[in-house]
Amino acid sequence: MENMLEKIKETAAYLKQRTGATPQVGIILGTGLGGLVKEIMASHVVPYEEIPNFPVSTVEGHSGKLIFGTLGGRSVMAMQGRFHYYEGYDMKEVTFPVRVMKAMGLNDVVVSNASGGVNPEFEIGDLMILNDHINLFPTNPLMGKNYPELGPRFPDMSEAYDKGLIAKAKEIAAANGIKVQEGIYAGLSGPCLETPAEYMYVRNVGADTVGMSTVPEVIAARHGGMRCFAMSIITDLGVPGKIVKVTHEDVIEVAAKAEPKMTLIMKELIAQM
């Protein structure tokens, strides 16, 4: 993306001028997981198509709005609908909203996604807190020229997902009687769902779940020094003997059923951030 710094600054300035907001926490909501927005006391709702330099989400289940308001007593900026590499966007475009969040002064990002479970101990509808990821995309959002204003050339990724936030989320889940898994998420380009052999490959390289998002945004956020927390809803299984034909509608349906539990954990976590 040419003049990326200028575009980031232009977009951040537009949003500040339009909303007057000074958000503290960024939220990125995945497929079928927009219900957390209902918990936000919204002050401004800005459609993506009205935001300078913003891509527009093309995926069912992603409505395409920036929500500004308060959640758990914290000022938040929530993406209701994210951008994916498989939509034809390059990684700079996929991660552009994260760059804008940082330019607006945010230091914390909370991410959700729907993913396929490859750990045989997982079940459909389980929640998994991410403690690490594997980047299996064919590229990286930090490829190309590095802008020191955005982060270092070689950012450390030894703690991509903040251990303190993970511990708090597990405490919240336990206090509310919510079962949570914890594990590693593998990010692939998509858009086709994985073959049985690909599910086996993902499991063999060390992942517990697989999906088509999150990894680029977290890489960009960590590049900018932001704390990250992410959670998956297991919407289908890539475990031998449990693999069945899955549609995007099936994913959305499972995500919607499990979402209230994720929403509770994330709302409580944001209140403590």
Protein backbone atom coordinates (compact mmCIF):
# COMPACT_ATOMS: atom_id res chain seq x y z
CA MET A 1 0.00 0.00 0.00
CA GLU A 2 1.57 3.25 -1.11
CA ASN A 3 1.83 6.05 1.41
CA MET A 4 0.60 3.69 4.12
CA LEU A 5 1.60 5.98 6.96
CA GLU A 6 -0.29 8.89 5.43
CA LYS A 7 -3.38 6.74 4.92
CA ILE A 8 -3.28 5.47 8.49
CA LYS A 9 -2.99 9.02 9.81
CA GLU A 10 -5.75 10.27 7.51
CA THR A 11 -8.16 7.54 8.59
CA ALA A 12 -7.39 7.97 12.30
CA ALA A 13 -7.84 11.75 12.01
CA TYR A 14 -11.19 11.29 10.24
CA LEU A 15 -12.48 8.92 12.94
CA LYS A 16 -11.31 11.18 15.75
CA GLN A 17 -12.98 14.17 14.13
CA ARG A 18 -16.22 12.30 13.40
CA THR A 19 -16.58 10.55 16.75
CA GLY A 20 -14.51 12.55 19.22
CA ALA A 21 -13.70 9.17 20.75
CA THR A 22 -10.52 8.17 22.57
CA PRO A 23 -10.95 4.38 22.71
CA GLN A 24 -8.85 2.24 25.04
CA VAL A 25 -9.58 -1.27 23.75
CA GLY A 26 -9.97 -2.54 20.19
CA ILE A 27 -12.31 -5.43 19.43
CA ILE A 28 -12.28 -7.53 16.24
CA LEU A 29 -15.33 -9.77 15.85
CA GLY A 30 -15.29 -12.92 13.72
CA THR A 31 -17.81 -14.87 11.66
CA GLY A 32 -21.21 -14.98 13.33
CA LEU A 33 -19.78 -13.35 16.45
CA GLY A 34 -21.15 -9.83 16.23
CA GLY A 35 -23.38 -10.22 19.29
CA LEU A 36 -20.84 -8.60 21.60
CA VAL A 37 -21.78 -5.35 19.88
CA LYS A 38 -25.20 -5.55 21.56
CA GLU A 39 -23.43 -5.17 24.90
CA ILE A 40 -21.68 -1.97 23.81
CA MET A 41 -23.29 1.32 24.78
CA ALA A 42 -22.67 2.80 21.35
CA SER A 43 -21.98 6.50 20.86
CA HIS A 44 -21.13 6.28 17.16
CA VAL A 45 -21.62 3.67 14.42
CA VAL A 46 -19.60 4.24 11.26
CA PRO A 47 -20.11 2.02 8.16
CA TYR A 48 -16.86 0.93 6.58
CA GLU A 49 -17.79 2.42 3.22
CA GLU A 50 -17.84 5.88 4.79
CA ILE A 51 -14.31 5.59 6.23
CA PRO A 52 -11.43 6.87 4.08
CA ASN A 53 -9.02 4.12 2.94
CA PHE A 54 -11.01 1.35 4.64
CA PRO A 55 -11.71 -1.91 2.79
CA VAL A 56 -15.31 -3.19 2.79
CA SER A 57 -16.11 -6.65 4.18
CA THR A 58 -17.68 -9.00 1.62
CA VAL A 59 -18.39 -12.03 3.81
CA GLU A 60 -21.78 -13.17 5.10
CA GLY A 61 -21.84 -12.78 8.88
CA HIS A 62 -19.64 -9.68 8.77
CA SER A 63 -21.76 -6.54 8.76
CA GLY A 64 -19.02 -3.97 8.12
CA LYS A 65 -19.27 -1.28 10.82
CA LEU A 66 -17.02 0.40 13.35
CA ILE A 67 -18.74 0.74 16.71
CA PHE A 68 -17.52 3.33 19.22
CA GLY A 69 -18.83 3.32 22.77
CA THR A 70 -18.33 1.79 26.22
CA LEU A 71 -18.23 -1.84 27.35
CA GLY A 72 -17.53 -2.91 30.91
CA GLY A 73 -16.76 0.69 31.78
CA ARG A 74 -14.05 0.89 29.11
CA SER A 75 -14.04 2.99 25.96
CA VAL A 76 -13.96 0.62 22.98
CA MET A 77 -13.65 0.62 19.21
CA ALA A 78 -15.17 -2.56 17.74
CA MET A 79 -14.92 -3.95 14.24
CA GLN A 80 -18.20 -5.65 13.42
CA GLY A 81 -16.83 -7.57 10.47
CA ARG A 82 -13.17 -8.07 9.58
CA PHE A 83 -11.19 -8.42 6.37
CA HIS A 84 -9.68 -11.65 5.09
CA TYR A 85 -6.79 -12.46 2.80
CA TYR A 86 -9.07 -14.79 0.80
CA GLU A 87 -11.30 -11.87 -0.16
CA GLY A 88 -8.50 -10.64 -2.38
CA TYR A 89 -7.11 -8.03 -0.01
CA ASP A 90 -3.39 -7.93 0.55
CA MET A 91 -2.05 -8.23 4.08
CA LYS A 92 -1.54 -4.48 4.41
CA GLU A 93 -5.28 -4.02 3.79
CA VAL A 94 -6.26 -6.90 6.09
CA THR A 95 -4.31 -5.33 8.96
CA PHE A 96 -5.04 -1.68 8.13
CA PRO A 97 -7.76 -1.34 10.82
CA VAL A 98 -5.30 -2.57 13.48
CA ARG A 99 -2.85 0.12 12.39
CA VAL A 100 -5.62 2.71 12.68
CA MET A 101 -6.48 1.45 16.18
CA LYS A 102 -2.89 1.98 17.25
CA ALA A 103 -2.84 5.45 15.67
CA MET A 104 -5.93 6.30 17.73
CA GLY A 105 -4.07 5.45 20.92
CA LEU A 106 -5.26 1.92 21.66
CA ASN A 107 -2.88 -0.44 23.44
CA ASP A 108 -5.09 -3.53 23.80
CA VAL A 109 -6.83 -5.69 21.19
CA VAL A 110 -9.37 -8.46 21.77
CA VAL A 111 -10.06 -10.80 18.86
CA SER A 112 -12.65 -13.52 18.21
CA ASN A 113 -12.95 -16.10 15.46
CA ALA A 114 -14.67 -19.28 14.39
CA SER A 115 -12.30 -22.17 13.80
CA GLY A 116 -12.08 -25.88 13.07
CA GLY A 117 -10.88 -28.09 15.89
CA VAL A 118 -8.09 -30.57 15.12
CA ASN A 119 -7.41 -31.55 18.73
CA PRO A 120 -9.30 -34.83 19.32
CA GLU A 121 -10.26 -33.66 22.82
CA PHE A 122 -12.24 -30.73 21.43
CA GLU A 123 -15.97 -30.74 20.69
CA ILE A 124 -18.15 -28.56 18.48
CA GLY A 125 -19.22 -25.48 20.42
CA ASP A 126 -16.14 -25.43 22.67
CA LEU A 127 -14.41 -22.14 23.41
CA MET A 128 -10.62 -22.01 23.04
CA ILE A 129 -8.36 -19.27 24.39
CA LEU A 130 -5.39 -18.79 22.07
CA ASN A 131 -2.00 -19.04 23.72
CA ASP A 132 -0.01 -19.09 20.48
CA HIS A 133 -0.40 -19.31 16.72
CA ILE A 134 1.25 -20.75 13.61
CA ASN A 135 1.33 -18.56 10.51
CA LEU A 136 0.55 -20.82 7.53
CA PHE A 137 -0.54 -17.97 5.29
CA PRO A 138 1.62 -17.67 2.16
CA THR A 139 2.85 -14.27 3.29
CA ASN A 140 3.22 -11.97 6.31
CA PRO A 141 1.72 -8.51 6.94
CA LEU A 142 5.19 -7.18 7.79
CA MET A 143 6.66 -8.05 4.37
CA GLY A 144 8.10 -5.09 2.49
CA LYS A 145 9.34 -1.75 3.76
CA ASN A 146 9.28 -1.36 7.52
CA TYR A 147 8.11 1.93 9.01
CA PRO A 148 9.80 2.50 12.40
CA GLU A 149 6.77 4.57 13.40
CA LEU A 150 4.69 1.38 13.24
CA GLY A 151 7.16 -0.97 14.91
CA PRO A 152 10.58 -2.62 14.70
CA ARG A 153 11.86 -4.46 11.64
CA PHE A 154 12.10 -7.76 13.56
CA PRO A 155 9.40 -7.77 16.25
CA ASP A 156 9.54 -10.37 18.99
CA MET A 157 6.66 -12.85 18.94
CA SER A 158 7.54 -14.94 21.99
CA GLU A 159 4.33 -13.78 23.69
CA ALA A 160 1.90 -13.06 20.87
CA TYR A 161 -1.03 -13.52 23.27
CA ASP A 162 -0.68 -11.81 26.63
CA LYS A 163 -0.23 -14.31 29.47
CA GLY A 164 -1.79 -11.98 32.02
CA LEU A 165 -4.96 -11.57 29.96
CA ILE A 166 -5.13 -15.33 29.37
CA ALA A 167 -4.95 -15.95 33.12
CA LYS A 168 -7.70 -13.38 33.81
CA ALA A 169 -9.95 -14.89 31.13
CA LYS A 170 -9.53 -18.37 32.62
CA GLU A 171 -10.43 -17.04 36.06
CA ILE A 172 -13.56 -15.36 34.64
CA ALA A 173 -14.58 -18.56 32.85
CA ALA A 174 -14.10 -20.65 36.00
CA ALA A 175 -16.05 -18.17 38.15
CA ASN A 176 -18.97 -18.41 35.70
CA GLY A 177 -18.85 -22.17 35.23
CA ILE A 178 -17.82 -21.89 31.58
CA LYS A 179 -15.64 -24.62 30.12
CA VAL A 180 -12.73 -23.25 28.08
CA GLN A 181 -9.97 -24.96 26.17
CA GLU A 182 -6.56 -23.40 25.61
CA GLY A 183 -4.31 -23.96 22.63
CA ILE A 184 -2.63 -23.03 19.38
CA TYR A 185 -4.39 -21.59 16.33
CA ALA A 186 -3.09 -22.15 12.79
CA GLY A 187 -3.93 -19.50 10.21
CA LEU A 188 -4.45 -20.58 6.58
CA SER A 189 -5.49 -18.51 3.58
CA GLY A 190 -8.76 -20.32 2.72
CA PRO A 191 -11.44 -19.86 1.48
CA CYS A 192 -12.05 -23.58 1.04
CA LEU A 193 -12.30 -25.58 4.22
CA GLU A 194 -9.46 -28.01 4.79
CA THR A 195 -9.22 -31.53 3.37
CA PRO A 196 -8.80 -34.43 5.82
CA ALA A 197 -5.10 -34.56 4.90
CA GLU A 198 -4.73 -30.83 5.56
CA TYR A 199 -6.44 -31.17 8.93
CA MET A 200 -3.96 -33.94 9.77
CA TYR A 201 -1.07 -31.74 8.60
CA VAL A 202 -2.23 -28.85 10.79
CA ARG A 203 -2.48 -31.14 13.80
CA ASN A 204 0.93 -32.66 13.10
CA VAL A 205 2.64 -29.26 13.02
CA GLY A 206 1.32 -28.53 16.50
CA ALA A 207 -2.01 -26.71 16.20
CA ASP A 208 -5.27 -27.32 18.07
CA THR A 209 -7.50 -25.31 15.75
CA VAL A 210 -7.36 -23.89 12.23
CA GLY A 211 -8.95 -20.79 10.71
CA MET A 212 -8.59 -18.05 8.11
CA SER A 213 -8.03 -14.92 10.20
CA THR A 214 -6.57 -13.56 13.46
CA VAL A 215 -2.89 -14.31 12.77
CA PRO A 216 -2.34 -11.28 10.47
CA GLU A 217 -4.10 -8.90 12.86
CA VAL A 218 -2.18 -10.17 15.88
CA ILE A 219 1.15 -9.92 14.05
CA ALA A 220 0.39 -6.30 13.16
CA ALA A 221 -0.81 -5.52 16.68
CA ARG A 222 2.27 -7.01 18.29
CA HIS A 223 4.44 -5.16 15.77
CA GLY A 224 2.88 -2.01 17.18
CA GLY A 225 3.45 -3.08 20.80
CA MET A 226 -0.22 -3.80 21.56
CA ARG A 227 -1.39 -6.46 24.03
CA CYS A 228 -3.49 -9.18 22.38
CA PHE A 229 -6.12 -11.61 23.59
CA ALA A 230 -8.00 -13.97 21.28
CA MET A 231 -10.66 -16.63 21.57
CA SER A 232 -12.08 -19.18 19.12
CA ILE A 233 -15.40 -20.93 18.95
CA ILE A 234 -14.92 -24.45 17.60
CA THR A 235 -17.57 -24.64 14.88
CA ASP A 236 -16.51 -27.88 13.16
CA LEU A 237 -14.05 -30.73 13.68
CA GLY A 238 -11.10 -31.81 11.56
CA VAL A 239 -10.53 -34.96 13.59
CA PRO A 240 -10.38 -38.36 11.84
CA GLY A 241 -13.74 -40.08 12.14
CA LYS A 242 -15.53 -36.81 13.00
CA ILE A 243 -15.11 -34.91 9.73
CA VAL A 244 -18.40 -34.12 8.01
CA LYS A 245 -19.44 -31.78 5.23
CA VAL A 246 -19.66 -28.22 6.59
CA THR A 247 -21.20 -25.08 5.09
CA HIS A 248 -20.60 -21.44 6.02
CA GLU A 249 -24.17 -21.39 7.36
CA ASP A 250 -23.33 -24.28 9.70
CA VAL A 251 -20.37 -22.30 11.03
CA ILE A 252 -22.52 -19.23 11.68
CA GLU A 253 -25.19 -21.33 13.44
CA VAL A 254 -22.73 -22.98 15.83
CA ALA A 255 -20.97 -19.69 16.52
CA ALA A 256 -24.27 -18.00 17.38
CA LYS A 257 -25.15 -20.71 19.93
CA ALA A 258 -21.82 -20.52 21.74
CA GLU A 259 -21.45 -16.77 21.48
CA PRO A 260 -23.18 -15.77 24.77
CA LYS A 261 -20.47 -17.57 26.76
CA MET A 262 -17.70 -15.88 24.79
CA THR A 263 -19.44 -12.52 25.14
CA LEU A 264 -19.60 -12.88 28.92
CA ILE A 265 -15.89 -13.70 29.20
CA MET A 266 -14.82 -10.92 26.87
CA LYS A 267 -17.05 -8.31 28.53
CA GLU A 268 -15.66 -9.18 31.97
CA LEU A 269 -12.10 -9.27 30.66
CA ILE A 270 -12.38 -5.87 28.99
CA ALA A 271 -13.72 -4.42 32.25
CA GLN A 272 -10.52 -5.58 33.96
CA MET A 273 -8.08 -4.40 31.30
